[in-house]
Amino acid sequence: MLIRYRKNYEKIAMGLLSFMPTEKDLKKLQQTIKQYETNDDWQLFLWKDGDDIIGIIGVLLRDADIVEIQHISVNPSHRHQGIGKQMVKALKDMYPNRQLQANEFTASFLDKCEL
């Protein structure tokens, strides 16, 4: 289930975001987290399975019609189980009147989701 990011999830969120190719550098990772914490148009969600947080998905609310997926990552030990697709579906359910779009880093994954 998707839950909204809160500051007390910062270390978990940073760990999951660090699997993204663009977020390997610590300073860049800290800037990304700060962007999600301070800008209302940037929303970060964690995927909770039981008591464990195993995935993360971050979006930019472009306008009234577009939700752009900026980041998506799943803990490596939980990959290939459909969790990423579940996160995208939950996001689509959360924003039913908006179109999901990918950025250059999430496009190949979003194409596989076949929404």
N, C-alpha and C. Protein backbone atom coordinates (compact mmCIF):
# COMPACT_ATOMS: atom_id res chain seq x y z
N MET A 1 0.83 -1.17 0.00
CA MET A 1 0.00 0.00 0.00
C MET A 1 0.88 1.24 0.00
N LEU A 2 0.46 2.25 -0.73
CA LEU A 2 1.20 3.51 -0.78
C LEU A 2 0.92 4.34 0.46
N ILE A 3 1.99 4.86 1.04
CA ILE A 3 1.85 5.80 2.15
C ILE A 3 2.66 7.04 1.81
N ARG A 4 2.20 8.17 2.27
CA ARG A 4 2.88 9.43 1.98
C ARG A 4 4.18 9.52 2.79
N TYR A 5 5.21 10.05 2.16
CA TYR A 5 6.50 10.26 2.81
C TYR A 5 6.35 11.22 3.98
N ARG A 6 7.03 10.89 5.08
CA ARG A 6 7.17 11.79 6.22
C ARG A 6 8.64 11.83 6.60
N LYS A 7 9.02 12.89 7.28
CA LYS A 7 10.43 13.11 7.63
C LYS A 7 11.04 11.93 8.38
N ASN A 8 10.25 11.23 9.21
CA ASN A 8 10.82 10.12 9.96
C ASN A 8 11.14 8.91 9.07
N TYR A 9 10.75 8.95 7.80
CA TYR A 9 11.11 7.91 6.84
C TYR A 9 12.32 8.31 5.99
N GLU A 10 12.98 9.39 6.36
CA GLU A 10 14.03 9.95 5.51
C GLU A 10 15.14 8.95 5.17
N LYS A 11 15.65 8.22 6.14
CA LYS A 11 16.76 7.29 5.87
C LYS A 11 16.31 6.16 4.95
N ILE A 12 15.12 5.64 5.17
CA ILE A 12 14.60 4.58 4.31
C ILE A 12 14.41 5.12 2.89
N ALA A 13 13.83 6.31 2.79
CA ALA A 13 13.59 6.92 1.49
C ALA A 13 14.90 7.16 0.75
N MET A 14 15.89 7.67 1.45
CA MET A 14 17.19 7.92 0.81
C MET A 14 17.82 6.61 0.35
N GLY A 15 17.69 5.57 1.16
CA GLY A 15 18.24 4.27 0.78
C GLY A 15 17.59 3.74 -0.49
N LEU A 16 16.26 3.84 -0.57
CA LEU A 16 15.56 3.36 -1.76
C LEU A 16 15.84 4.23 -2.98
N LEU A 17 15.88 5.55 -2.78
CA LEU A 17 16.17 6.45 -3.90
C LEU A 17 17.59 6.25 -4.43
N SER A 18 18.50 5.82 -3.56
CA SER A 18 19.90 5.65 -3.99
C SER A 18 20.06 4.55 -5.04
N PHE A 19 19.04 3.71 -5.23
CA PHE A 19 19.10 2.70 -6.29
C PHE A 19 18.83 3.30 -7.66
N MET A 20 18.31 4.54 -7.71
CA MET A 20 18.09 5.22 -8.99
C MET A 20 19.44 5.67 -9.55
N PRO A 21 19.68 5.48 -10.84
CA PRO A 21 20.98 5.86 -11.41
C PRO A 21 21.35 7.32 -11.20
N THR A 22 20.35 8.21 -11.13
CA THR A 22 20.63 9.64 -10.99
C THR A 22 20.87 10.06 -9.55
N GLU A 23 20.69 9.14 -8.61
CA GLU A 23 20.75 9.51 -7.19
C GLU A 23 21.90 8.83 -6.44
N LYS A 24 23.00 8.56 -7.13
CA LYS A 24 24.13 7.87 -6.49
C LYS A 24 24.94 8.80 -5.58
N ASP A 25 25.01 10.07 -5.94
CA ASP A 25 25.78 11.06 -5.18
C ASP A 25 24.99 11.52 -3.96
N LEU A 26 25.61 11.54 -2.79
CA LEU A 26 24.92 11.89 -1.55
C LEU A 26 24.33 13.30 -1.59
N LYS A 27 25.10 14.27 -2.11
CA LYS A 27 24.57 15.64 -2.18
C LYS A 27 23.34 15.71 -3.08
N LYS A 28 23.37 15.03 -4.21
CA LYS A 28 22.23 15.01 -5.12
C LYS A 28 21.03 14.35 -4.43
N LEU A 29 21.28 13.28 -3.72
CA LEU A 29 20.23 12.57 -3.00
C LEU A 29 19.59 13.47 -1.94
N GLN A 30 20.41 14.19 -1.21
CA GLN A 30 19.90 15.12 -0.19
C GLN A 30 19.07 16.24 -0.83
N GLN A 31 19.52 16.75 -1.99
CA GLN A 31 18.76 17.79 -2.70
C GLN A 31 17.40 17.24 -3.15
N THR A 32 17.39 16.00 -3.61
CA THR A 32 16.14 15.39 -4.07
C THR A 32 15.15 15.25 -2.92
N ILE A 33 15.62 14.75 -1.78
CA ILE A 33 14.74 14.61 -0.61
C ILE A 33 14.22 15.98 -0.19
N LYS A 34 15.09 16.99 -0.19
CA LYS A 34 14.67 18.34 0.19
C LYS A 34 13.59 18.86 -0.78
N GLN A 35 13.75 18.55 -2.06
CA GLN A 35 12.75 18.96 -3.06
C GLN A 35 11.39 18.36 -2.72
N TYR A 36 11.37 17.08 -2.36
CA TYR A 36 10.10 16.43 -2.01
C TYR A 36 9.52 16.98 -0.70
N GLU A 37 10.39 17.40 0.21
CA GLU A 37 9.92 17.90 1.50
C GLU A 37 9.40 19.34 1.43
N THR A 38 9.93 20.13 0.51
CA THR A 38 9.63 21.57 0.52
C THR A 38 8.70 22.04 -0.60
N ASN A 39 8.57 21.26 -1.67
CA ASN A 39 7.76 21.69 -2.81
C ASN A 39 6.48 20.86 -2.87
N ASP A 40 5.34 21.52 -2.76
CA ASP A 40 4.05 20.82 -2.74
C ASP A 40 3.74 20.09 -4.04
N ASP A 41 4.36 20.50 -5.14
CA ASP A 41 4.13 19.83 -6.41
C ASP A 41 4.91 18.52 -6.53
N TRP A 42 5.87 18.31 -5.65
CA TRP A 42 6.66 17.08 -5.63
C TRP A 42 6.13 16.20 -4.50
N GLN A 43 5.62 15.02 -4.85
CA GLN A 43 5.04 14.12 -3.86
C GLN A 43 5.83 12.81 -3.85
N LEU A 44 6.15 12.33 -2.66
CA LEU A 44 6.91 11.09 -2.51
C LEU A 44 6.07 10.11 -1.71
N PHE A 45 6.00 8.88 -2.20
CA PHE A 45 5.22 7.83 -1.56
C PHE A 45 6.08 6.60 -1.36
N LEU A 46 5.84 5.92 -0.25
CA LEU A 46 6.54 4.69 0.05
C LEU A 46 5.57 3.53 -0.09
N TRP A 47 6.09 2.37 -0.47
CA TRP A 47 5.26 1.18 -0.60
C TRP A 47 5.51 0.31 0.62
N LYS A 48 4.45 0.09 1.37
CA LYS A 48 4.56 -0.69 2.61
C LYS A 48 3.92 -2.06 2.38
N ASP A 49 4.67 -3.09 2.73
CA ASP A 49 4.20 -4.47 2.63
C ASP A 49 4.31 -5.06 4.03
N GLY A 50 3.19 -5.18 4.72
CA GLY A 50 3.23 -5.59 6.12
C GLY A 50 3.87 -4.49 6.94
N ASP A 51 4.94 -4.82 7.65
CA ASP A 51 5.66 -3.82 8.44
C ASP A 51 6.85 -3.22 7.70
N ASP A 52 7.13 -3.74 6.50
CA ASP A 52 8.34 -3.34 5.78
C ASP A 52 8.03 -2.33 4.68
N ILE A 53 8.91 -1.36 4.54
CA ILE A 53 8.85 -0.42 3.42
C ILE A 53 9.83 -0.93 2.38
N ILE A 54 9.30 -1.30 1.21
CA ILE A 54 10.15 -1.97 0.23
C ILE A 54 10.22 -1.25 -1.12
N GLY A 55 9.50 -0.14 -1.26
CA GLY A 55 9.53 0.58 -2.52
C GLY A 55 9.25 2.05 -2.32
N ILE A 56 9.55 2.81 -3.37
CA ILE A 56 9.34 4.25 -3.31
C ILE A 56 8.98 4.73 -4.71
N ILE A 57 8.09 5.71 -4.76
CA ILE A 57 7.72 6.32 -6.04
C ILE A 57 7.52 7.81 -5.79
N GLY A 58 8.15 8.62 -6.62
CA GLY A 58 8.06 10.07 -6.48
C GLY A 58 7.51 10.69 -7.75
N VAL A 59 6.64 11.67 -7.57
CA VAL A 59 6.00 12.30 -8.72
C VAL A 59 6.08 13.82 -8.65
N LEU A 60 5.95 14.40 -9.82
CA LEU A 60 5.82 15.85 -9.96
C LEU A 60 4.43 16.11 -10.52
N LEU A 61 3.63 16.88 -9.79
CA LEU A 61 2.29 17.24 -10.25
C LEU A 61 2.46 18.41 -11.21
N ARG A 62 2.55 18.10 -12.50
CA ARG A 62 2.86 19.10 -13.53
C ARG A 62 1.76 20.14 -13.67
N ASP A 63 0.53 19.69 -13.80
CA ASP A 63 -0.62 20.59 -13.89
C ASP A 63 -1.86 19.79 -13.53
N ALA A 64 -3.01 20.30 -13.84
CA ALA A 64 -4.26 19.63 -13.45
C ALA A 64 -4.45 18.28 -14.14
N ASP A 65 -3.72 18.03 -15.22
CA ASP A 65 -3.93 16.81 -15.99
C ASP A 65 -2.77 15.81 -15.94
N ILE A 66 -1.59 16.23 -15.53
CA ILE A 66 -0.39 15.41 -15.67
C ILE A 66 0.27 15.12 -14.32
N VAL A 67 0.59 13.85 -14.10
CA VAL A 67 1.42 13.42 -12.97
C VAL A 67 2.65 12.75 -13.59
N GLU A 68 3.80 13.35 -13.39
CA GLU A 68 5.03 12.83 -13.99
C GLU A 68 5.82 12.03 -12.96
N ILE A 69 6.08 10.78 -13.26
CA ILE A 69 6.84 9.92 -12.34
C ILE A 69 8.33 10.27 -12.46
N GLN A 70 8.88 10.77 -11.36
CA GLN A 70 10.28 11.19 -11.32
C GLN A 70 11.21 10.07 -10.86
N HIS A 71 10.75 9.32 -9.89
CA HIS A 71 11.56 8.25 -9.30
C HIS A 71 10.68 7.04 -9.04
N ILE A 72 11.25 5.86 -9.23
CA ILE A 72 10.58 4.62 -8.82
C ILE A 72 11.68 3.61 -8.52
N SER A 73 11.57 3.00 -7.35
CA SER A 73 12.61 2.06 -6.93
C SER A 73 12.02 1.04 -5.97
N VAL A 74 12.51 -0.18 -6.08
CA VAL A 74 12.09 -1.27 -5.21
C VAL A 74 13.36 -1.88 -4.62
N ASN A 75 13.29 -2.24 -3.35
CA ASN A 75 14.40 -2.92 -2.69
C ASN A 75 14.81 -4.12 -3.55
N PRO A 76 16.11 -4.27 -3.84
CA PRO A 76 16.56 -5.36 -4.73
C PRO A 76 16.09 -6.76 -4.32
N SER A 77 15.93 -7.02 -3.05
CA SER A 77 15.50 -8.35 -2.62
C SER A 77 14.01 -8.59 -2.86
N HIS A 78 13.29 -7.55 -3.29
CA HIS A 78 11.85 -7.68 -3.55
C HIS A 78 11.51 -7.40 -5.02
N ARG A 79 12.53 -7.33 -5.86
CA ARG A 79 12.28 -7.03 -7.28
C ARG A 79 11.71 -8.25 -8.01
N HIS A 80 11.15 -8.00 -9.17
CA HIS A 80 10.58 -9.03 -10.05
C HIS A 80 9.39 -9.73 -9.41
N GLN A 81 8.67 -9.01 -8.55
CA GLN A 81 7.47 -9.54 -7.91
C GLN A 81 6.24 -8.67 -8.23
N GLY A 82 6.41 -7.72 -9.12
CA GLY A 82 5.29 -6.87 -9.52
C GLY A 82 5.04 -5.68 -8.61
N ILE A 83 5.95 -5.40 -7.69
CA ILE A 83 5.74 -4.30 -6.74
C ILE A 83 5.76 -2.95 -7.43
N GLY A 84 6.67 -2.76 -8.35
CA GLY A 84 6.72 -1.51 -9.10
C GLY A 84 5.42 -1.26 -9.85
N LYS A 85 4.90 -2.30 -10.48
CA LYS A 85 3.63 -2.17 -11.20
C LYS A 85 2.49 -1.87 -10.23
N GLN A 86 2.53 -2.48 -9.05
CA GLN A 86 1.49 -2.21 -8.05
C GLN A 86 1.54 -0.74 -7.60
N MET A 87 2.77 -0.21 -7.45
CA MET A 87 2.91 1.19 -7.05
C MET A 87 2.33 2.11 -8.12
N VAL A 88 2.61 1.81 -9.39
CA VAL A 88 2.10 2.63 -10.48
C VAL A 88 0.58 2.55 -10.53
N LYS A 89 0.02 1.36 -10.34
CA LYS A 89 -1.44 1.21 -10.34
C LYS A 89 -2.06 1.99 -9.18
N ALA A 90 -1.45 1.90 -8.00
CA ALA A 90 -1.97 2.64 -6.83
C ALA A 90 -1.91 4.14 -7.09
N LEU A 91 -0.86 4.59 -7.75
CA LEU A 91 -0.72 6.00 -8.09
C LEU A 91 -1.81 6.42 -9.08
N LYS A 92 -2.08 5.56 -10.04
CA LYS A 92 -3.14 5.85 -11.01
C LYS A 92 -4.50 5.92 -10.31
N ASP A 93 -4.72 5.04 -9.33
CA ASP A 93 -5.96 5.08 -8.55
C ASP A 93 -6.05 6.35 -7.69
N MET A 94 -4.90 6.83 -7.23
CA MET A 94 -4.85 8.02 -6.38
C MET A 94 -5.16 9.29 -7.18
N TYR A 95 -4.75 9.29 -8.45
CA TYR A 95 -4.96 10.44 -9.33
C TYR A 95 -5.77 9.99 -10.55
N PRO A 96 -7.04 9.61 -10.36
CA PRO A 96 -7.82 9.02 -11.46
C PRO A 96 -8.09 9.97 -12.63
N ASN A 97 -8.08 11.26 -12.40
CA ASN A 97 -8.38 12.21 -13.46
C ASN A 97 -7.14 12.81 -14.10
N ARG A 98 -6.00 12.21 -13.82
CA ARG A 98 -4.74 12.72 -14.37
C ARG A 98 -4.04 11.62 -15.17
N GLN A 99 -3.28 12.05 -16.13
CA GLN A 99 -2.51 11.12 -16.94
C GLN A 99 -1.13 10.93 -16.31
N LEU A 100 -0.69 9.67 -16.21
CA LEU A 100 0.66 9.39 -15.72
C LEU A 100 1.63 9.50 -16.88
N GLN A 101 2.73 10.20 -16.63
CA GLN A 101 3.80 10.31 -17.61
C GLN A 101 5.11 9.97 -16.93
N ALA A 102 6.05 9.53 -17.73
CA ALA A 102 7.38 9.22 -17.21
C ALA A 102 8.35 10.33 -17.59
N ASN A 103 9.45 10.39 -16.85
CA ASN A 103 10.55 11.23 -17.31
C ASN A 103 11.55 10.30 -18.02
N GLU A 104 12.68 10.81 -18.42
CA GLU A 104 13.62 9.99 -19.20
C GLU A 104 14.16 8.80 -18.40
N PHE A 105 14.16 8.90 -17.07
CA PHE A 105 14.72 7.83 -16.25
C PHE A 105 13.69 6.77 -15.85
N THR A 106 12.41 7.10 -15.94
CA THR A 106 11.37 6.15 -15.54
C THR A 106 10.57 5.63 -16.74
N ALA A 107 10.87 6.15 -17.93
CA ALA A 107 10.08 5.81 -19.12
C ALA A 107 10.12 4.32 -19.45
N SER A 108 11.30 3.70 -19.41
CA SER A 108 11.38 2.29 -19.80
C SER A 108 10.57 1.41 -18.86
N PHE A 109 10.56 1.75 -17.57
CA PHE A 109 9.77 0.95 -16.62
C PHE A 109 8.28 1.19 -16.85
N LEU A 110 7.88 2.43 -17.01
CA LEU A 110 6.46 2.75 -17.18
C LEU A 110 5.91 2.08 -18.44
N ASP A 111 6.74 1.99 -19.49
CA ASP A 111 6.31 1.29 -20.72
C ASP A 111 5.97 -0.17 -20.43
N LYS A 112 6.71 -0.80 -19.52
CA LYS A 112 6.46 -2.21 -19.17
C LYS A 112 5.16 -2.37 -18.39
N CYS A 113 4.69 -1.32 -17.75
CA CYS A 113 3.48 -1.42 -16.91
C CYS A 113 2.21 -1.52 -17.74
N GLU A 114 2.25 -1.09 -19.00
CA GLU A 114 1.12 -1.20 -19.91
C GLU A 114 -0.19 -0.72 -19.28
N LEU A 115 -0.23 0.54 -18.91
CA LEU A 115 -1.43 1.08 -18.27
C LEU A 115 -2.52 1.35 -19.26
